[in-house]
Amino acid sequence: MIFLLVAPLLTSIIMRTFGWNVILARNGVLNSTL
């Protein structure tokens, strides 16, 4: 759990934010699932 918690901190905040862009985009993962 500590590794899963700390692992995102090793990734650039820009990459994580772009990941949310992919998930929340108009044709992204969340909209497609809904």
Full PDB file with SEQRES, HELIX, SHEET, SSBOND, CRYST1, ORIGX, SCALE, CONECT and MASTER records, all heavy atoms in Angstrom:
SEQRES   1 A   34  MET ILE PHE LEU LEU VAL ALA PRO LEU LEU THR SER ILE          
SEQRES   2 A   34  ILE MET ARG THR PHE GLY TRP ASN VAL ILE LEU ALA ARG          
SEQRES   3 A   34  ASN GLY VAL LEU ASN SER THR LEU                              
HELIX    1 AA1 ILE A    2  VAL A    6  1                                   5    
HELIX    2 AA2 ALA A    7  LEU A   10  5                                   4    
HELIX    3 AA3 ILE A   13  LEU A   24  1                                  12    
HELIX    4 AA4 VAL A   29  THR A   33  1                                   5    
CRYST1    1.000    1.000    1.000  90.00  90.00  90.00 P 1           1          
ORIGX1      1.000000  0.000000  0.000000        0.00000                         
ORIGX2      0.000000  1.000000  0.000000        0.00000                         
ORIGX3      0.000000  0.000000  1.000000        0.00000                         
SCALE1      1.000000  0.000000  0.000000        0.00000                         
SCALE2      0.000000  1.000000  0.000000        0.00000                         
SCALE3      0.000000  0.000000  1.000000        0.00000                         
ATOM      1  N   MET A   1       0.829  -1.205   0.000  1.00  0.00           N  
ATOM      2  CA  MET A   1       0.000   0.000   0.000  1.00  0.00           C  
ATOM      3  C   MET A   1       0.864   1.255   0.000  1.00  0.00           C  
ATOM      4  O   MET A   1       0.528   2.236  -0.666  1.00  0.00           O  
ATOM      5  CB  MET A   1      -0.928  -0.013   1.215  1.00  0.00           C  
ATOM      6  CG  MET A   1      -2.009  -1.075   1.160  1.00  0.00           C  
ATOM      7  SD  MET A   1      -3.288  -0.813   2.405  1.00  0.00           S  
ATOM      8  CE  MET A   1      -4.006   0.734   1.838  1.00  0.00           C  
ATOM      9  N   ILE A   2       1.964   1.208   0.730  1.00  0.00           N  
ATOM     10  CA  ILE A   2       2.863   2.366   0.736  1.00  0.00           C  
ATOM     11  C   ILE A   2       3.447   2.588  -0.656  1.00  0.00           C  
ATOM     12  O   ILE A   2       3.541   3.723  -1.139  1.00  0.00           O  
ATOM     13  CB  ILE A   2       3.976   2.169   1.773  1.00  0.00           C  
ATOM     14  CG1 ILE A   2       3.392   2.199   3.190  1.00  0.00           C  
ATOM     15  CG2 ILE A   2       5.055   3.238   1.616  1.00  0.00           C  
ATOM     16  CD1 ILE A   2       4.411   1.932   4.275  1.00  0.00           C  
ATOM     17  N   PHE A   3       3.810   1.476  -1.329  1.00  0.00           N  
ATOM     18  CA  PHE A   3       4.339   1.606  -2.685  1.00  0.00           C  
ATOM     19  C   PHE A   3       3.291   2.190  -3.632  1.00  0.00           C  
ATOM     20  O   PHE A   3       3.589   3.092  -4.426  1.00  0.00           O  
ATOM     21  CB  PHE A   3       4.790   0.238  -3.202  1.00  0.00           C  
ATOM     22  CG  PHE A   3       5.160   0.239  -4.656  1.00  0.00           C  
ATOM     23  CD1 PHE A   3       6.370   0.763  -5.078  1.00  0.00           C  
ATOM     24  CD2 PHE A   3       4.286  -0.271  -5.611  1.00  0.00           C  
ATOM     25  CE1 PHE A   3       6.703   0.780  -6.426  1.00  0.00           C  
ATOM     26  CE2 PHE A   3       4.610  -0.252  -6.953  1.00  0.00           C  
ATOM     27  CZ  PHE A   3       5.825   0.271  -7.366  1.00  0.00           C  
ATOM     28  N   LEU A   4       2.046   1.705  -3.552  1.00  0.00           N  
ATOM     29  CA  LEU A   4       0.982   2.227  -4.410  1.00  0.00           C  
ATOM     30  C   LEU A   4       0.694   3.689  -4.100  1.00  0.00           C  
ATOM     31  O   LEU A   4       0.288   4.449  -4.983  1.00  0.00           O  
ATOM     32  CB  LEU A   4      -0.297   1.395  -4.226  1.00  0.00           C  
ATOM     33  CG  LEU A   4      -0.217  -0.057  -4.702  1.00  0.00           C  
ATOM     34  CD1 LEU A   4      -1.511  -0.791  -4.370  1.00  0.00           C  
ATOM     35  CD2 LEU A   4       0.062  -0.122  -6.201  1.00  0.00           C  
ATOM     36  N   LEU A   5       0.897   4.079  -2.846  1.00  0.00           N  
ATOM     37  CA  LEU A   5       0.649   5.454  -2.452  1.00  0.00           C  
ATOM     38  C   LEU A   5       1.751   6.384  -2.946  1.00  0.00           C  
ATOM     39  O   LEU A   5       1.482   7.502  -3.404  1.00  0.00           O  
ATOM     40  CB  LEU A   5       0.540   5.541  -0.927  1.00  0.00           C  
ATOM     41  CG  LEU A   5       0.197   6.896  -0.320  1.00  0.00           C  
ATOM     42  CD1 LEU A   5      -1.244   7.267  -0.647  1.00  0.00           C  
ATOM     43  CD2 LEU A   5       0.415   6.874   1.179  1.00  0.00           C  
ATOM     44  N   VAL A   6       2.986   5.919  -2.869  1.00  0.00           N  
ATOM     45  CA  VAL A   6       4.132   6.770  -3.219  1.00  0.00           C  
ATOM     46  C   VAL A   6       4.421   6.737  -4.719  1.00  0.00           C  
ATOM     47  O   VAL A   6       4.950   7.711  -5.274  1.00  0.00           O  
ATOM     48  CB  VAL A   6       5.378   6.336  -2.415  1.00  0.00           C  
ATOM     49  CG1 VAL A   6       6.604   7.134  -2.827  1.00  0.00           C  
ATOM     50  CG2 VAL A   6       5.121   6.500  -0.923  1.00  0.00           C  
ATOM     51  N   ALA A   7       4.060   5.644  -5.400  1.00  0.00           N  
ATOM     52  CA  ALA A   7       4.384   5.495  -6.822  1.00  0.00           C  
ATOM     53  C   ALA A   7       3.903   6.667  -7.679  1.00  0.00           C  
ATOM     54  O   ALA A   7       4.652   7.143  -8.546  1.00  0.00           O  
ATOM     55  CB  ALA A   7       3.822   4.176  -7.347  1.00  0.00           C  
ATOM     56  N   PRO A   8       2.661   7.177  -7.482  1.00  0.00           N  
ATOM     57  CA  PRO A   8       2.256   8.332  -8.307  1.00  0.00           C  
ATOM     58  C   PRO A   8       3.132   9.558  -8.121  1.00  0.00           C  
ATOM     59  O   PRO A   8       3.254  10.377  -9.036  1.00  0.00           O  
ATOM     60  CB  PRO A   8       0.819   8.604  -7.832  1.00  0.00           C  
ATOM     61  CG  PRO A   8       0.344   7.314  -7.271  1.00  0.00           C  
ATOM     62  CD  PRO A   8       1.554   6.686  -6.657  1.00  0.00           C  
ATOM     63  N   LEU A   9       3.761   9.700  -6.942  1.00  0.00           N  
ATOM     64  CA  LEU A   9       4.620  10.852  -6.712  1.00  0.00           C  
ATOM     65  C   LEU A   9       5.884  10.791  -7.557  1.00  0.00           C  
ATOM     66  O   LEU A   9       6.566  11.803  -7.723  1.00  0.00           O  
ATOM     67  CB  LEU A   9       4.995  10.944  -5.226  1.00  0.00           C  
ATOM     68  CG  LEU A   9       3.827  11.099  -4.243  1.00  0.00           C  
ATOM     69  CD1 LEU A   9       4.345  11.138  -2.814  1.00  0.00           C  
ATOM     70  CD2 LEU A   9       3.022  12.352  -4.553  1.00  0.00           C  
ATOM     71  N   LEU A  10       6.210   9.596  -8.071  1.00  0.00           N  
ATOM     72  CA  LEU A  10       7.385   9.443  -8.919  1.00  0.00           C  
ATOM     73  C   LEU A  10       7.086   9.784 -10.369  1.00  0.00           C  
ATOM     74  O   LEU A  10       7.985   9.793 -11.205  1.00  0.00           O  
ATOM     75  CB  LEU A  10       7.913   8.004  -8.818  1.00  0.00           C  
ATOM     76  CG  LEU A  10       8.235   7.498  -7.414  1.00  0.00           C  
ATOM     77  CD1 LEU A  10       8.682   6.043  -7.461  1.00  0.00           C  
ATOM     78  CD2 LEU A  10       9.296   8.371  -6.767  1.00  0.00           C  
ATOM     79  N   THR A  11       5.819  10.046 -10.665  1.00  0.00           N  
ATOM     80  CA  THR A  11       5.394  10.391 -12.019  1.00  0.00           C  
ATOM     81  C   THR A  11       5.170  11.892 -12.107  1.00  0.00           C  
ATOM     82  O   THR A  11       4.669  12.514 -11.174  1.00  0.00           O  
ATOM     83  CB  THR A  11       4.096   9.655 -12.386  1.00  0.00           C  
ATOM     84  OG1 THR A  11       4.266   8.261 -12.167  1.00  0.00           O  
ATOM     85  CG2 THR A  11       3.727   9.890 -13.839  1.00  0.00           C  
ATOM     86  N   SER A  12       5.517  12.473 -13.229  1.00  0.00           N  
ATOM     87  CA  SER A  12       5.338  13.905 -13.423  1.00  0.00           C  
ATOM     88  C   SER A  12       3.875  14.295 -13.254  1.00  0.00           C  
ATOM     89  O   SER A  12       2.960  13.598 -13.713  1.00  0.00           O  
ATOM     90  CB  SER A  12       5.819  14.314 -14.816  1.00  0.00           C  
ATOM     91  OG  SER A  12       5.422  15.632 -15.126  1.00  0.00           O  
ATOM     92  N   ILE A  13       3.646  15.421 -12.600  1.00  0.00           N  
ATOM     93  CA  ILE A  13       2.287  15.909 -12.410  1.00  0.00           C  
ATOM     94  C   ILE A  13       1.621  16.226 -13.751  1.00  0.00           C  
ATOM     95  O   ILE A  13       0.399  16.107 -13.893  1.00  0.00           O  
ATOM     96  CB  ILE A  13       2.292  17.158 -11.498  1.00  0.00           C  
ATOM     97  CG1 ILE A  13       0.869  17.577 -11.154  1.00  0.00           C  
ATOM     98  CG2 ILE A  13       3.034  18.298 -12.144  1.00  0.00           C  
ATOM     99  CD1 ILE A  13       0.800  18.713 -10.160  1.00  0.00           C  
ATOM    100  N   ILE A  14       2.427  16.577 -14.743  1.00  0.00           N  
ATOM    101  CA  ILE A  14       1.863  16.843 -16.072  1.00  0.00           C  
ATOM    102  C   ILE A  14       1.308  15.560 -16.666  1.00  0.00           C  
ATOM    103  O   ILE A  14       0.206  15.548 -17.244  1.00  0.00           O  
ATOM    104  CB  ILE A  14       2.942  17.453 -16.996  1.00  0.00           C  
ATOM    105  CG1 ILE A  14       3.438  18.778 -16.421  1.00  0.00           C  
ATOM    106  CG2 ILE A  14       2.404  17.650 -18.398  1.00  0.00           C  
ATOM    107  CD1 ILE A  14       4.542  19.418 -17.218  1.00  0.00           C  
ATOM    108  N   MET A  15       2.038  14.447 -16.525  1.00  0.00           N  
ATOM    109  CA  MET A  15       1.564  13.177 -17.064  1.00  0.00           C  
ATOM    110  C   MET A  15       0.294  12.722 -16.345  1.00  0.00           C  
ATOM    111  O   MET A  15      -0.650  12.225 -16.972  1.00  0.00           O  
ATOM    112  CB  MET A  15       2.665  12.115 -16.921  1.00  0.00           C  
ATOM    113  CG  MET A  15       3.925  12.417 -17.706  1.00  0.00           C  
ATOM    114  SD  MET A  15       3.608  12.607 -19.481  1.00  0.00           S  
ATOM    115  CE  MET A  15       3.013  10.966 -19.885  1.00  0.00           C  
ATOM    116  N   ARG A  16       0.251  12.901 -15.028  1.00  0.00           N  
ATOM    117  CA  ARG A  16      -0.948  12.502 -14.285  1.00  0.00           C  
ATOM    118  C   ARG A  16      -2.149  13.355 -14.691  1.00  0.00           C  
ATOM    119  O   ARG A  16      -3.267  12.855 -14.804  1.00  0.00           O  
ATOM    120  CB  ARG A  16      -0.691  12.623 -12.784  1.00  0.00           C  
ATOM    121  CG  ARG A  16       0.134  11.482 -12.223  1.00  0.00           C  
ATOM    122  CD  ARG A  16       0.309  11.628 -10.728  1.00  0.00           C  
ATOM    123  NE  ARG A  16       1.355  12.589 -10.398  1.00  0.00           N  
ATOM    124  CZ  ARG A  16       1.576  13.058  -9.189  1.00  0.00           C  
ATOM    125  NH1 ARG A  16       0.791  12.686  -8.190  1.00  0.00           N  
ATOM    126  NH2 ARG A  16       2.562  13.904  -8.959  1.00  0.00           N  
ATOM    127  N   THR A  17      -1.908  14.637 -14.912  1.00  0.00           N  
ATOM    128  CA  THR A  17      -3.005  15.520 -15.311  1.00  0.00           C  
ATOM    129  C   THR A  17      -3.494  15.178 -16.709  1.00  0.00           C  
ATOM    130  O   THR A  17      -4.704  15.179 -16.969  1.00  0.00           O  
ATOM    131  CB  THR A  17      -2.543  16.987 -15.251  1.00  0.00           C  
ATOM    132  OG1 THR A  17      -2.046  17.265 -13.935  1.00  0.00           O  
ATOM    133  CG2 THR A  17      -3.702  17.914 -15.532  1.00  0.00           C  
ATOM    134  N   PHE A  18      -2.578  14.869 -17.625  1.00  0.00           N  
ATOM    135  CA  PHE A  18      -2.992  14.453 -18.962  1.00  0.00           C  
ATOM    136  C   PHE A  18      -3.741  13.120 -18.900  1.00  0.00           C  
ATOM    137  O   PHE A  18      -4.619  12.849 -19.729  1.00  0.00           O  
ATOM    138  CB  PHE A  18      -1.790  14.350 -19.893  1.00  0.00           C  
ATOM    139  CG  PHE A  18      -1.458  15.637 -20.594  1.00  0.00           C  
ATOM    140  CD1 PHE A  18      -0.261  16.282 -20.363  1.00  0.00           C  
ATOM    141  CD2 PHE A  18      -2.356  16.204 -21.476  1.00  0.00           C  
ATOM    142  CE1 PHE A  18       0.043  17.475 -20.997  1.00  0.00           C  
ATOM    143  CE2 PHE A  18      -2.070  17.395 -22.122  1.00  0.00           C  
ATOM    144  CZ  PHE A  18      -0.864  18.033 -21.882  1.00  0.00           C  
ATOM    145  N   GLY A  19      -3.390  12.270 -17.936  1.00  0.00           N  
ATOM    146  CA  GLY A  19      -4.139  11.038 -17.740  1.00  0.00           C  
ATOM    147  C   GLY A  19      -5.595  11.308 -17.417  1.00  0.00           C  
ATOM    148  O   GLY A  19      -6.509  10.638 -17.936  1.00  0.00           O  
ATOM    149  N   TRP A  20      -5.849  12.315 -16.566  1.00  0.00           N  
ATOM    150  CA  TRP A  20      -7.235  12.684 -16.268  1.00  0.00           C  
ATOM    151  C   TRP A  20      -7.909  13.294 -17.487  1.00  0.00           C  
ATOM    152  O   TRP A  20      -9.135  13.161 -17.656  1.00  0.00           O  
ATOM    153  CB  TRP A  20      -7.271  13.655 -15.092  1.00  0.00           C  
ATOM    154  CG  TRP A  20      -7.155  12.974 -13.768  1.00  0.00           C  
ATOM    155  CD1 TRP A  20      -6.102  13.010 -12.905  1.00  0.00           C  
ATOM    156  CD2 TRP A  20      -8.123  12.109 -13.169  1.00  0.00           C  
ATOM    157  NE1 TRP A  20      -6.354  12.230 -11.807  1.00  0.00           N  
ATOM    158  CE2 TRP A  20      -7.590  11.664 -11.937  1.00  0.00           C  
ATOM    159  CE3 TRP A  20      -9.394  11.664 -13.566  1.00  0.00           C  
ATOM    160  CZ2 TRP A  20      -8.277  10.807 -11.099  1.00  0.00           C  
ATOM    161  CZ3 TRP A  20     -10.080  10.804 -12.726  1.00  0.00           C  
ATOM    162  CH2 TRP A  20      -9.535  10.388 -11.507  1.00  0.00           C  
ATOM    163  N   ASN A  21      -7.138  13.951 -18.359  1.00  0.00           N  
ATOM    164  CA  ASN A  21      -7.711  14.436 -19.617  1.00  0.00           C  
ATOM    165  C   ASN A  21      -8.229  13.286 -20.457  1.00  0.00           C  
ATOM    166  O   ASN A  21      -9.305  13.374 -21.069  1.00  0.00           O  
ATOM    167  CB  ASN A  21      -6.659  15.226 -20.405  1.00  0.00           C  
ATOM    168  CG  ASN A  21      -6.694  16.709 -20.109  1.00  0.00           C  
ATOM    169  OD1 ASN A  21      -7.612  17.413 -20.512  1.00  0.00           O  
ATOM    170  ND2 ASN A  21      -5.712  17.191 -19.379  1.00  0.00           N  
ATOM    171  N   VAL A  22      -7.481  12.200 -20.496  1.00  0.00           N  
ATOM    172  CA  VAL A  22      -7.911  11.024 -21.259  1.00  0.00           C  
ATOM    173  C   VAL A  22      -9.167  10.415 -20.644  1.00  0.00           C  
ATOM    174  O   VAL A  22     -10.096  10.010 -21.352  1.00  0.00           O  
ATOM    175  CB  VAL A  22      -6.774   9.986 -21.315  1.00  0.00           C  
ATOM    176  CG1 VAL A  22      -7.252   8.689 -21.956  1.00  0.00           C  
ATOM    177  CG2 VAL A  22      -5.576  10.551 -22.074  1.00  0.00           C  
ATOM    178  N   ILE A  23      -9.215  10.361 -19.308  1.00  0.00           N  
ATOM    179  CA  ILE A  23     -10.354   9.743 -18.639  1.00  0.00           C  
ATOM    180  C   ILE A  23     -11.607  10.597 -18.764  1.00  0.00           C  
ATOM    181  O   ILE A  23     -12.710  10.083 -19.009  1.00  0.00           O  
ATOM    182  CB  ILE A  23     -10.019   9.497 -17.155  1.00  0.00           C  
ATOM    183  CG1 ILE A  23      -8.896   8.471 -17.037  1.00  0.00           C  
ATOM    184  CG2 ILE A  23     -11.251   9.018 -16.380  1.00  0.00           C  
ATOM    185  CD1 ILE A  23      -8.393   8.277 -15.621  1.00  0.00           C  
ATOM    186  N   LEU A  24     -11.469  11.919 -18.615  1.00  0.00           N  
ATOM    187  CA  LEU A  24     -12.628  12.805 -18.546  1.00  0.00           C  
ATOM    188  C   LEU A  24     -12.988  13.448 -19.877  1.00  0.00           C  
ATOM    189  O   LEU A  24     -13.952  14.216 -19.940  1.00  0.00           O  
ATOM    190  CB  LEU A  24     -12.363  13.916 -17.516  1.00  0.00           C  
ATOM    191  CG  LEU A  24     -12.079  13.457 -16.077  1.00  0.00           C  
ATOM    192  CD1 LEU A  24     -11.744  14.657 -15.196  1.00  0.00           C  
ATOM    193  CD2 LEU A  24     -13.268  12.694 -15.507  1.00  0.00           C  
ATOM    194  N   ALA A  25     -12.267  13.137 -20.942  1.00  0.00           N  
ATOM    195  CA  ALA A  25     -12.539  13.765 -22.241  1.00  0.00           C  
ATOM    196  C   ALA A  25     -13.924  13.388 -22.753  1.00  0.00           C  
ATOM    197  O   ALA A  25     -14.574  12.459 -22.265  1.00  0.00           O  
ATOM    198  CB  ALA A  25     -11.465  13.356 -23.246  1.00  0.00           C  
ATOM    199  N   ARG A  26     -14.369  14.134 -23.757  1.00  0.00           N  
ATOM    200  CA  ARG A  26     -15.709  13.904 -24.315  1.00  0.00           C  
ATOM    201  C   ARG A  26     -15.879  12.481 -24.821  1.00  0.00           C  
ATOM    202  O   ARG A  26     -16.926  11.854 -24.642  1.00  0.00           O  
ATOM    203  CB  ARG A  26     -15.960  14.903 -25.458  1.00  0.00           C  
ATOM    204  CG  ARG A  26     -17.352  14.796 -26.080  1.00  0.00           C  
ATOM    205  CD  ARG A  26     -17.561  15.874 -27.116  1.00  0.00           C  
ATOM    206  NE  ARG A  26     -18.873  15.773 -27.724  1.00  0.00           N  
ATOM    207  CZ  ARG A  26     -19.991  16.285 -27.212  1.00  0.00           C  
ATOM    208  NH1 ARG A  26     -19.921  16.941 -26.070  1.00  0.00           N  
ATOM    209  NH2 ARG A  26     -21.147  16.155 -27.825  1.00  0.00           N  
ATOM    210  N   ASN A  27     -14.852  11.945 -25.448  1.00  0.00           N  
ATOM    211  CA  ASN A  27     -14.862  10.554 -25.894  1.00  0.00           C  
ATOM    212  C   ASN A  27     -13.911   9.707 -25.051  1.00  0.00           C  
ATOM    213  O   ASN A  27     -13.368   8.709 -25.537  1.00  0.00           O  
ATOM    214  CB  ASN A  27     -14.464  10.468 -27.371  1.00  0.00           C  
ATOM    215  CG  ASN A  27     -15.466  11.166 -28.278  1.00  0.00           C  
ATOM    216  OD1 ASN A  27     -16.678  11.034 -28.081  1.00  0.00           O  
ATOM    217  ND2 ASN A  27     -14.969  11.910 -29.253  1.00  0.00           N  
ATOM    218  N   GLY A  28     -13.736  10.105 -23.800  1.00  0.00           N  
ATOM    219  CA  GLY A  28     -12.808   9.431 -22.924  1.00  0.00           C  
ATOM    220  C   GLY A  28     -13.387   8.179 -22.286  1.00  0.00           C  
ATOM    221  O   GLY A  28     -14.514   7.739 -22.573  1.00  0.00           O  
ATOM    222  N   VAL A  29     -12.606   7.614 -21.376  1.00  0.00           N  
ATOM    223  CA  VAL A  29     -12.972   6.348 -20.743  1.00  0.00           C  
ATOM    224  C   VAL A  29     -14.263   6.475 -19.956  1.00  0.00           C  
ATOM    225  O   VAL A  29     -15.157   5.617 -20.055  1.00  0.00           O  
ATOM    226  CB  VAL A  29     -11.825   5.871 -19.818  1.00  0.00           C  
ATOM    227  CG1 VAL A  29     -12.234   4.602 -19.075  1.00  0.00           C  
ATOM    228  CG2 VAL A  29     -10.552   5.643 -20.627  1.00  0.00           C  
ATOM    229  N   LEU A  30     -14.411   7.530 -19.160  1.00  0.00           N  
ATOM    230  CA  LEU A  30     -15.587   7.660 -18.302  1.00  0.00           C  
ATOM    231  C   LEU A  30     -16.859   7.853 -19.106  1.00  0.00           C  
ATOM    232  O   LEU A  30     -17.873   7.186 -18.852  1.00  0.00           O  
ATOM    233  CB  LEU A  30     -15.385   8.835 -17.335  1.00  0.00           C  
ATOM    234  CG  LEU A  30     -16.489   9.033 -16.291  1.00  0.00           C  
ATOM    235  CD1 LEU A  30     -16.696   7.765 -15.470  1.00  0.00           C  
ATOM    236  CD2 LEU A  30     -16.163  10.205 -15.392  1.00  0.00           C  
ATOM    237  N   ASN A  31     -16.821   8.737 -20.086  1.00  0.00           N  
ATOM    238  CA  ASN A  31     -18.014   8.961 -20.919  1.00  0.00           C  
ATOM    239  C   ASN A  31     -18.377   7.715 -21.716  1.00  0.00           C  
ATOM    240  O   ASN A  31     -19.559   7.386 -21.859  1.00  0.00           O  
ATOM    241  CB  ASN A  31     -17.778  10.142 -21.862  1.00  0.00           C  
ATOM    242  CG  ASN A  31     -18.230  11.461 -21.245  1.00  0.00           C  
ATOM    243  OD1 ASN A  31     -19.258  11.532 -20.588  1.00  0.00           O  
ATOM    244  ND2 ASN A  31     -17.445  12.502 -21.458  1.00  0.00           N  
ATOM    245  N   SER A  32     -17.368   7.019 -22.233  1.00  0.00           N  
ATOM    246  CA  SER A  32     -17.647   5.791 -22.990  1.00  0.00           C  
ATOM    247  C   SER A  32     -18.290   4.734 -22.097  1.00  0.00           C  
ATOM    248  O   SER A  32     -19.228   4.042 -22.499  1.00  0.00           O  
ATOM    249  CB  SER A  32     -16.352   5.250 -23.602  1.00  0.00           C  
ATOM    250  OG  SER A  32     -15.778   6.179 -24.486  1.00  0.00           O  
ATOM    251  N   THR A  33     -17.819   4.630 -20.859  1.00  0.00           N  
ATOM    252  CA  THR A  33     -18.383   3.658 -19.926  1.00  0.00           C  
ATOM    253  C   THR A  33     -19.822   4.014 -19.568  1.00  0.00           C  
ATOM    254  O   THR A  33     -20.707   3.142 -19.542  1.00  0.00           O  
ATOM    255  CB  THR A  33     -17.524   3.599 -18.647  1.00  0.00           C  
ATOM    256  OG1 THR A  33     -16.180   3.257 -19.001  1.00  0.00           O  
ATOM    257  CG2 THR A  33     -18.073   2.564 -17.682  1.00  0.00           C  
ATOM    258  N   LEU A  34     -20.072   5.280 -19.285  1.00  0.00           N  
ATOM    259  CA  LEU A  34     -21.429   5.701 -18.932  1.00  0.00           C  
ATOM    260  C   LEU A  34     -22.405   5.469 -20.075  1.00  0.00           C  
ATOM    261  O   LEU A  34     -23.549   5.028 -19.860  1.00  0.00           O  
ATOM    262  CB  LEU A  34     -21.419   7.178 -18.537  1.00  0.00           C  
ATOM    263  CG  LEU A  34     -20.682   7.539 -17.241  1.00  0.00           C  
ATOM    264  CD1 LEU A  34     -20.674   9.052 -17.037  1.00  0.00           C  
ATOM    265  CD2 LEU A  34     -21.328   6.851 -16.050  1.00  0.00           C  
TER     266      LEU A  34                                                      
MASTER        0    0    0    4    0    0    0    6  265    1    0    3          
END                                                                             
